[in-house]
Structures are given as C-alpha cells and as structure tokens.
Amino acid sequence: MKNKIKVLIVDDSAVVRQTLEEILSSDPAIEVIATASDPFIAADKIKKEAPDVITLDVEMPRMDGLTFLHKIMTQHPLPVVMCSSLTEKGCETALKALEYGAMDIITKPRMGAEKFLNESKIRICDAVKAAARARITTISAQRKKATGKLTADAVIAPPTGRAMISTTEKIVAVGASTGGTEALRIFLEAFPQDCPGIVIVQHMPEHFTSAFAKRLNGICRIEIKEATNGESILRGQALIAPGNRHLMLKRSGARYHVEIKEGPLVCRHRPSVDVLFRSAARYAGKNAVGVIMTGMGDDGARGMLEMKEAGAATLAQDEKTCVVFGMPQEAIKRDAVDKVLPLEAIAKEVSKIC
C-alpha cells in the first residue's frame, strides 16, 4: 500500500467522482485516498494527507479549477491532472491550465459506452502514473511494463525496407506526451517561416488539439493547425494530429500529405507516435527527421528505430529538460537515436539537418 500512488479526486459531480474513483482504484498501482466536491474541501484534505497526484475539475462552485491550480502551484506544488468536459470554452480553459503547470488533460468519461470507458480507464490511469513520475514530485515508484499493447501493425504495415530516394524536401515527424505542450511551444517558436513541413503527434484528448493548435499559431512564426485528412504538408507549416485519431504521413509523387485514420489504441494511445513514425519510415525514409520528446511510456520508440533503419535522422530530448524521460529513454535504449539534445537545441539541429 505504501508504494501506491495516492490520488485526490476534486470534482463537483458525485457521479464523476464515483466513476473516477472506480477507474483509478482498479489499477493496482493507484490508491484513491480521498475525494472532494470543491477546492475548499480539497484544501482541508490535503492538509490531513498530501496526495501524490490530484485530478482536478475545471469548472466548480466557490472556486474554479484554474484558481485552485494556481494556488497549488505557487504555495505547495503537486502534480495535477485536469479533468475537463469537451466544450470549446472548456478546451481553452484546460489549455490555460497546462500553462499554469498542470501535467495533463483527461476527458471526463461518458457513461454507458463500454469501449469509451475501457479506453478512458487506460488513458486516465496512465495520465496519473505519468504525473506521479514527473519532475515536480519525488515519487520513485517504478513504472510497470504495460501488457497487451497493440503495435503500429494494427494500423499500418511495416516499412518495406526500401528507403525512399532522397529529394530536396525534408519532413519532420515529432512525438510528445506528458509535458509536451510546453516543449512543443519552445520547439516550434524557434523555427523561421521557411522551415520544413512538420507533422506532430501530441497525446491529447479529442477536441483539445484544435484549440491547442490555434494557441500555438498565435505565438509562432510558422502556421500551425490541426491536420485534416488528405492535407498537403507544406514548408512553414506544422500539422498536429487530431485527438482520438491516428495521423500518418503519405506520399504521392513528390508531394507529401497526411492521412487521418481511426483504429485501435496503439501503445495505449490514439493518436500514436509509433504510427506516425512508421509511416515516416515507410513513405519518407531518408527524407525524414524524427524527434521524440518528453512523455511516459514507450510510444514512438519502435517507430523511431524503423525511421533510423530507413535512413532518417533521429533526435531525442535529453533527460534534464524532459518532464518525464520515458519516451526518449525507451528510444535511446533501442539504439534508435542519433543525437540526444536539450529541448532548446532541437529546432536548431533540425534546421541544420534540413
């Protein structure tokens, strides 16, 4: 029991509190130590027993989630995972929470949809485990190897082994998870307007990626948008995979475009970095540059090795600048990475390669 991740659930809905408690308690690595219907009750519970992770609703009575998050991060920093609905206003608020220091966003699970609840269970438990391992905490509980995970085979066939003929156009494929929203901002802000086309998978719920892309588009020199099916990959543009959909790179003649596809969770995620990286290996080969950033788990590690074997340049964010070093570390272990770099140096290296 002492090694379990202790979680406090804060949500004004009794149904959501009960559902989250059932989902989290089903994982042997997690213990729900308390629930609270608003931040004032939560503050009293934190005084009695500090949790390792807090799941926090966005809109609540007496004090909203953003205000409470700000108080937590300035007075007694703890890993916080925001729990939000899918309204447009909620998207913007939840993204603001990431700027304030929240580790991740999860979607409130819908009732009555078995597939959704099962997938929500995986997503919610993984988000809490990733938050517990983030640098803001001192938790040293080891992550258990996930079992029964599907690979990119479930969505796209393996590369043929024939690297694409080199062209003048390079494509940059990027994968990130926990801590990735801030890492991507720093990475993308560094590019000039004539940078190579960029395709990105950031683990994020459905509907949030559009608001995330718009926010980045307002602060970066390049155009950033949520990808649509069949859209061309252009210089000076970054396309972000829509939440809950896989994104694949495709090639028609000398032009690259993206395919948006449904399918099962791959490496416990949809969109999956492995799916994107495999498609880059298959259709771009040595014309691609792969970048793997902060995040828990091993999504992207296999795909990055396939990219390297196809002749692509591969880069990983270093441990010091990662919120969670899991994904880059797994790629490094597989000898899939050419260079390990601090976050601030990655964009410059990509530009140099291209």
Protein backbone atom coordinates (compact mmCIF):
# COMPACT_ATOMS: atom_id res chain seq x y z
CA MET A 1 0.00 0.00 0.00
CA LYS A 2 2.79 2.43 0.86
CA ASN A 3 4.17 2.18 -2.68
CA LYS A 4 0.89 3.07 -4.35
CA ILE A 5 0.30 6.44 -6.00
CA LYS A 6 -2.03 8.36 -3.69
CA VAL A 7 -4.70 10.33 -5.56
CA LEU A 8 -7.14 13.05 -4.50
CA ILE A 9 -10.15 13.49 -6.83
CA VAL A 10 -11.65 17.00 -6.94
CA ASP A 11 -14.91 17.34 -8.90
CA ASP A 12 -18.30 18.85 -8.10
CA SER A 13 -20.15 15.95 -9.74
CA ALA A 14 -20.79 12.99 -7.44
CA VAL A 15 -21.20 10.72 -10.47
CA VAL A 16 -17.82 11.77 -11.90
CA ARG A 17 -16.13 11.38 -8.51
CA GLN A 18 -17.51 7.86 -8.17
CA THR A 19 -16.60 6.90 -11.75
CA LEU A 20 -13.06 8.25 -11.45
CA GLU A 21 -12.61 6.53 -8.11
CA GLU A 22 -13.70 3.19 -9.60
CA ILE A 23 -11.43 3.62 -12.63
CA LEU A 24 -8.35 4.64 -10.64
CA SER A 25 -8.90 2.09 -7.86
CA SER A 26 -8.98 -0.70 -10.44
CA ASP A 27 -5.27 -0.11 -11.10
CA PRO A 28 -3.09 -1.93 -8.52
CA ALA A 29 -0.54 0.90 -8.61
CA ILE A 30 -3.05 3.60 -7.60
CA GLU A 31 -4.92 4.34 -4.37
CA VAL A 32 -7.66 6.98 -4.12
CA ILE A 33 -7.15 8.43 -0.66
CA ALA A 34 -9.98 10.99 -0.80
CA THR A 35 -12.49 12.84 -2.96
CA ALA A 36 -13.70 16.44 -2.70
CA SER A 37 -16.59 18.34 -4.24
CA ASP A 38 -14.80 21.70 -4.33
CA PRO A 39 -11.34 23.22 -3.78
CA PHE A 40 -12.05 24.31 -0.18
CA ILE A 41 -12.83 20.76 0.88
CA ALA A 42 -9.82 19.58 -1.15
CA ALA A 43 -7.51 22.01 0.67
CA ASP A 44 -8.62 20.60 4.05
CA LYS A 45 -7.98 17.05 2.83
CA ILE A 46 -4.52 17.98 1.52
CA LYS A 47 -3.62 19.33 4.98
CA LYS A 48 -4.54 15.99 6.54
CA GLU A 49 -2.74 13.82 3.96
CA ALA A 50 -0.83 15.14 0.96
CA PRO A 51 -1.63 13.21 -2.22
CA ASP A 52 0.92 12.28 -4.85
CA VAL A 53 -1.43 13.41 -7.65
CA ILE A 54 -4.61 15.49 -7.82
CA THR A 55 -7.26 15.13 -10.51
CA LEU A 56 -8.98 18.49 -10.78
CA ASP A 57 -12.20 19.58 -12.45
CA VAL A 58 -12.08 22.83 -14.42
CA GLU A 59 -15.40 24.48 -13.52
CA MET A 60 -16.58 24.15 -9.92
CA PRO A 61 -18.56 26.17 -7.35
CA ARG A 62 -16.93 28.50 -4.78
CA MET A 63 -13.56 28.41 -6.60
CA ASP A 64 -12.79 27.46 -10.19
CA GLY A 65 -10.17 24.87 -11.04
CA LEU A 66 -7.74 27.37 -12.58
CA THR A 67 -7.64 29.50 -9.44
CA PHE A 68 -7.11 26.44 -7.24
CA LEU A 69 -4.41 25.13 -9.59
CA HIS A 70 -2.58 28.46 -9.37
CA LYS A 71 -2.72 28.34 -5.57
CA ILE A 72 -1.41 24.78 -5.54
CA MET A 73 1.49 25.51 -7.87
CA THR A 74 2.56 28.66 -6.02
CA GLN A 75 2.01 27.52 -2.43
CA HIS A 76 2.52 23.76 -2.35
CA PRO A 77 3.37 22.33 -5.80
CA LEU A 78 1.80 18.95 -6.53
CA PRO A 79 1.26 17.08 -9.80
CA VAL A 80 -2.20 17.98 -11.12
CA VAL A 81 -4.13 16.30 -13.93
CA MET A 82 -7.04 18.40 -15.20
CA CYS A 83 -10.37 16.67 -15.84
CA SER A 84 -12.43 18.58 -18.38
CA SER A 85 -15.56 18.33 -20.48
CA LEU A 86 -15.41 18.79 -24.25
CA THR A 87 -16.95 22.25 -24.63
CA GLU A 88 -14.94 24.81 -26.60
CA LYS A 89 -14.74 27.03 -23.53
CA GLY A 90 -13.54 24.06 -21.53
CA CYS A 91 -10.83 23.39 -24.12
CA GLU A 92 -9.42 26.90 -23.79
CA THR A 93 -9.58 26.79 -20.00
CA ALA A 94 -7.90 23.40 -19.82
CA LEU A 95 -5.12 24.55 -22.15
CA LYS A 96 -4.61 27.54 -19.90
CA ALA A 97 -4.25 25.08 -17.04
CA LEU A 98 -1.31 23.46 -18.85
CA GLU A 99 0.39 26.86 -18.93
CA TYR A 100 -0.19 27.15 -15.17
CA GLY A 101 1.61 23.87 -14.58
CA ALA A 102 -0.94 21.06 -14.91
CA MET A 103 0.71 17.83 -16.06
CA ASP A 104 -2.02 16.64 -18.42
CA ILE A 105 -5.65 16.88 -19.50
CA ILE A 106 -8.05 13.95 -19.37
CA THR A 107 -11.61 13.80 -20.65
CA LYS A 108 -14.45 13.18 -18.25
CA PRO A 109 -15.59 9.63 -19.03
CA ARG A 110 -19.01 9.29 -20.60
CA MET A 111 -21.48 6.86 -19.09
CA GLY A 112 -22.90 3.86 -20.91
CA ALA A 113 -20.24 3.40 -23.61
CA GLU A 114 -18.18 0.34 -22.74
CA LYS A 115 -15.45 0.96 -25.33
CA PHE A 116 -15.11 4.61 -24.29
CA LEU A 117 -14.94 3.70 -20.62
CA ASN A 118 -12.34 0.99 -21.23
CA GLU A 119 -10.18 3.36 -23.26
CA SER A 120 -10.78 6.12 -20.71
CA LYS A 121 -9.56 3.77 -18.00
CA ILE A 122 -6.25 3.28 -19.82
CA ARG A 123 -5.86 6.98 -20.56
CA ILE A 124 -6.78 8.18 -17.04
CA CYS A 125 -4.60 5.68 -15.19
CA ASP A 126 -1.64 6.35 -17.49
CA ALA A 127 -2.05 10.13 -17.04
CA VAL A 128 -1.99 9.77 -13.26
CA LYS A 129 1.07 7.50 -13.36
CA ALA A 130 2.88 9.90 -15.67
CA ALA A 131 2.07 12.83 -13.38
CA ALA A 132 3.40 10.91 -10.40
CA ARG A 133 6.70 10.38 -12.22
CA ALA A 134 7.02 13.99 -13.37
CA ARG A 135 9.85 16.17 -12.09
CA ILE A 136 7.60 18.19 -9.82
CA THR A 137 7.36 15.17 -7.48
CA THR A 138 9.85 12.98 -5.64
CA ILE A 139 7.96 9.79 -6.23
CA SER A 140 10.24 6.96 -7.27
CA ALA A 141 7.68 4.26 -7.90
CA GLN A 142 8.81 2.30 -10.92
CA ARG A 143 6.57 2.16 -13.94
CA LYS A 144 5.43 -1.38 -14.68
CA LYS A 145 5.70 -2.62 -18.22
CA ALA A 146 2.31 -2.38 -19.93
CA THR A 147 0.94 -5.66 -21.18
CA GLY A 148 -1.31 -6.47 -24.07
CA LYS A 149 -0.44 -3.34 -26.03
CA LEU A 150 -1.07 -3.21 -29.75
CA THR A 151 1.76 -2.11 -32.01
CA ALA A 152 1.61 0.03 -35.16
CA ASP A 153 0.91 -3.21 -37.08
CA ALA A 154 -2.74 -2.68 -36.10
CA VAL A 155 -2.91 0.48 -38.22
CA ILE A 156 -0.13 0.45 -40.83
CA ALA A 157 2.03 -2.28 -42.40
CA PRO A 158 5.76 -2.33 -41.57
CA PRO A 159 8.20 -0.45 -43.82
CA THR A 160 9.23 -2.33 -46.96
CA GLY A 161 12.92 -1.87 -46.20
CA ARG A 162 13.44 0.22 -49.34
CA ALA A 163 14.42 3.74 -48.29
CA MET A 164 12.90 6.50 -50.40
CA ILE A 165 15.11 8.19 -52.97
CA SER A 166 16.44 11.40 -51.45
CA THR A 167 14.79 14.65 -52.55
CA THR A 168 15.28 18.27 -51.61
CA GLU A 169 12.18 18.25 -49.39
CA LYS A 170 12.57 17.08 -45.80
CA ILE A 171 9.73 16.18 -43.47
CA VAL A 172 9.97 16.48 -39.68
CA ALA A 173 7.93 13.99 -37.60
CA VAL A 174 7.54 14.79 -33.90
CA GLY A 175 6.09 12.81 -30.99
CA ALA A 176 5.39 14.01 -27.44
CA SER A 177 3.23 13.26 -24.41
CA THR A 178 3.35 14.45 -20.78
CA GLY A 179 4.98 17.88 -20.72
CA GLY A 180 4.80 18.04 -24.49
CA THR A 181 2.51 21.05 -24.80
CA GLU A 182 5.16 23.36 -23.35
CA ALA A 183 8.01 21.52 -25.09
CA LEU A 184 6.28 21.89 -28.45
CA ARG A 185 5.77 25.62 -27.86
CA ILE A 186 9.50 26.11 -27.26
CA PHE A 187 10.39 23.87 -30.21
CA LEU A 188 8.01 25.48 -32.71
CA GLU A 189 8.68 29.07 -31.67
CA ALA A 190 12.30 28.62 -32.75
CA PHE A 191 11.52 27.92 -36.43
CA PRO A 192 11.64 30.55 -39.19
CA GLN A 193 8.81 30.91 -41.70
CA ASP A 194 10.56 28.81 -44.34
CA CYS A 195 11.14 25.74 -42.16
CA PRO A 196 10.47 22.20 -43.46
CA GLY A 197 6.97 20.77 -43.14
CA ILE A 198 6.31 19.35 -39.67
CA VAL A 199 3.84 16.67 -38.54
CA ILE A 200 3.16 16.18 -34.84
CA VAL A 201 1.54 13.66 -32.55
CA GLN A 202 0.88 15.04 -29.06
CA HIS A 203 -1.10 12.74 -26.79
CA MET A 204 -4.19 14.84 -26.14
CA PRO A 205 -7.96 14.19 -25.97
CA GLU A 206 -10.37 14.76 -28.83
CA HIS A 207 -11.33 18.42 -29.50
CA PHE A 208 -8.43 19.83 -27.46
CA THR A 209 -5.92 19.64 -30.32
CA SER A 210 -7.76 22.25 -32.39
CA ALA A 211 -7.63 24.80 -29.56
CA PHE A 212 -4.01 23.85 -28.85
CA ALA A 213 -3.04 24.39 -32.49
CA LYS A 214 -4.79 27.78 -32.59
CA ARG A 215 -2.98 28.87 -29.44
CA LEU A 216 0.42 27.91 -30.90
CA ASN A 217 -0.45 29.50 -34.23
CA GLY A 218 -0.93 32.83 -32.47
CA ILE A 219 2.57 32.88 -30.99
CA CYS A 220 4.76 31.15 -33.61
CA ARG A 221 6.13 32.48 -36.90
CA ILE A 222 5.07 29.36 -38.78
CA GLU A 223 1.48 28.29 -39.46
CA ILE A 224 0.21 25.66 -37.03
CA LYS A 225 -3.11 23.88 -37.43
CA GLU A 226 -4.94 20.67 -36.63
CA ALA A 227 -4.44 18.26 -39.52
CA THR A 228 -7.30 17.29 -41.82
CA ASN A 229 -7.43 14.15 -43.95
CA GLY A 230 -5.56 14.46 -47.25
CA GLU A 231 -3.97 17.81 -46.36
CA SER A 232 -0.64 18.57 -48.03
CA ILE A 233 2.46 19.02 -45.89
CA LEU A 234 3.96 22.39 -46.74
CA ARG A 235 7.06 24.36 -45.82
CA GLY A 236 6.49 26.82 -43.00
CA GLN A 237 3.62 24.76 -41.60
CA ALA A 238 3.11 22.29 -38.74
CA LEU A 239 0.17 19.88 -38.67
CA ILE A 240 -0.97 18.42 -35.34
CA ALA A 241 -2.79 15.08 -35.20
CA PRO A 242 -6.43 15.44 -34.13
CA GLY A 243 -7.17 13.95 -30.72
CA ASN A 244 -8.55 10.39 -30.87
CA ARG A 245 -7.34 9.87 -34.48
CA HIS A 246 -4.13 8.38 -35.83
CA LEU A 247 -2.06 10.54 -38.19
CA MET A 248 0.05 9.03 -40.96
CA LEU A 249 2.43 10.53 -43.47
CA LYS A 250 1.76 9.56 -47.09
CA ARG A 251 3.48 10.39 -50.39
CA SER A 252 2.04 10.91 -53.86
CA GLY A 253 4.78 11.52 -56.41
CA ALA A 254 6.99 14.26 -54.99
CA ARG A 255 4.29 15.60 -52.64
CA TYR A 256 3.65 14.60 -49.04
CA HIS A 257 0.25 14.62 -47.40
CA VAL A 258 -1.38 13.25 -44.26
CA GLU A 259 -3.98 10.59 -43.72
CA ILE A 260 -6.22 10.77 -40.65
CA LYS A 261 -7.43 7.35 -39.61
CA GLU A 262 -9.48 5.70 -36.89
CA GLY A 263 -8.30 2.46 -35.38
CA PRO A 264 -7.42 0.77 -32.09
CA LEU A 265 -5.19 2.23 -29.42
CA VAL A 266 -1.55 1.66 -30.37
CA CYS A 267 0.93 1.63 -27.48
CA ARG A 268 -2.11 2.60 -25.39
CA HIS A 269 -2.66 5.78 -27.41
CA ARG A 270 -4.69 7.23 -30.26
CA PRO A 271 -3.06 9.14 -31.90
CA SER A 272 0.10 7.09 -31.59
CA VAL A 273 3.64 8.32 -32.20
CA ASP A 274 4.61 4.83 -33.40
CA VAL A 275 2.01 5.03 -36.17
CA LEU A 276 3.32 8.42 -37.34
CA PHE A 277 6.97 7.35 -37.18
CA ARG A 278 6.33 4.10 -39.02
CA SER A 279 4.57 5.99 -41.80
CA ALA A 280 7.52 8.40 -41.99
CA ALA A 281 9.90 5.45 -42.30
CA ARG A 282 7.74 3.87 -44.99
CA TYR A 283 6.98 6.89 -47.15
CA ALA A 284 9.80 9.39 -46.46
CA GLY A 285 12.80 7.25 -45.46
CA LYS A 286 16.00 9.33 -45.53
CA ASN A 287 13.97 12.45 -46.33
CA ALA A 288 12.58 12.43 -42.78
CA VAL A 289 13.80 13.73 -39.44
CA GLY A 290 12.32 12.14 -36.32
CA VAL A 291 12.07 13.93 -32.98
CA ILE A 292 10.89 12.28 -29.77
CA MET A 293 10.12 14.44 -26.75
CA THR A 294 9.04 14.27 -23.13
CA GLY A 295 6.44 11.66 -22.17
CA MET A 296 5.84 8.47 -20.24
CA GLY A 297 5.87 5.02 -21.79
CA ASP A 298 7.44 3.72 -24.98
CA ASP A 299 5.17 5.09 -27.72
CA GLY A 300 7.42 6.12 -30.61
CA ALA A 301 10.47 4.03 -29.68
CA ARG A 302 9.80 1.24 -32.18
CA GLY A 303 8.78 3.68 -34.89
CA MET A 304 11.89 5.78 -34.38
CA LEU A 305 14.08 2.70 -34.80
CA GLU A 306 12.26 1.98 -38.07
CA MET A 307 12.91 5.59 -39.15
CA LYS A 308 16.62 5.26 -38.36
CA GLU A 309 16.85 1.95 -40.22
CA ALA A 310 15.21 3.65 -43.22
CA GLY A 311 17.91 6.32 -43.25
CA ALA A 312 16.18 9.14 -41.35
CA ALA A 313 17.96 11.39 -38.86
CA THR A 314 16.63 10.84 -35.33
CA LEU A 315 16.77 13.15 -32.31
CA ALA A 316 15.65 12.81 -28.69
CA GLN A 317 15.08 15.36 -25.93
CA ASP A 318 17.51 14.92 -23.03
CA GLU A 319 16.57 13.84 -19.53
CA LYS A 320 17.34 17.19 -17.90
CA THR A 321 14.77 19.11 -19.97
CA CYS A 322 12.07 16.40 -20.02
CA VAL A 323 9.13 16.47 -17.63
CA VAL A 324 9.07 12.66 -17.96
CA PHE A 325 12.02 10.96 -19.67
CA GLY A 326 10.16 7.74 -20.54
CA MET A 327 9.60 8.01 -24.30
CA PRO A 328 13.05 9.38 -25.22
CA GLN A 329 14.71 6.92 -22.86
CA GLU A 330 12.96 3.94 -24.48
CA ALA A 331 14.05 5.10 -27.94
CA ILE A 332 17.63 5.56 -26.71
CA LYS A 333 17.61 2.05 -25.21
CA ARG A 334 16.70 0.63 -28.62
CA ASP A 335 19.64 2.49 -30.22
CA ALA A 336 17.09 4.39 -32.32
CA VAL A 337 18.51 7.88 -31.62
CA ASP A 338 21.35 9.64 -33.44
CA LYS A 339 21.60 12.60 -31.04
CA VAL A 340 20.27 13.43 -27.57
CA LEU A 341 19.82 17.18 -27.12
CA PRO A 342 18.39 19.69 -24.66
CA LEU A 343 14.98 20.98 -25.73
CA GLU A 344 16.27 24.44 -26.69
CA ALA A 345 18.79 22.95 -29.14
CA ILE A 346 16.48 20.57 -31.05
CA ALA A 347 14.98 23.07 -33.53
CA LYS A 348 18.43 24.37 -34.46
CA GLU A 349 19.65 20.81 -35.09
CA VAL A 350 16.59 20.04 -37.21
CA SER A 351 17.24 23.15 -39.30
CA LYS A 352 20.88 22.14 -39.68
CA ILE A 353 19.94 18.66 -40.89
CA CYS A 354 17.37 20.00 -43.33
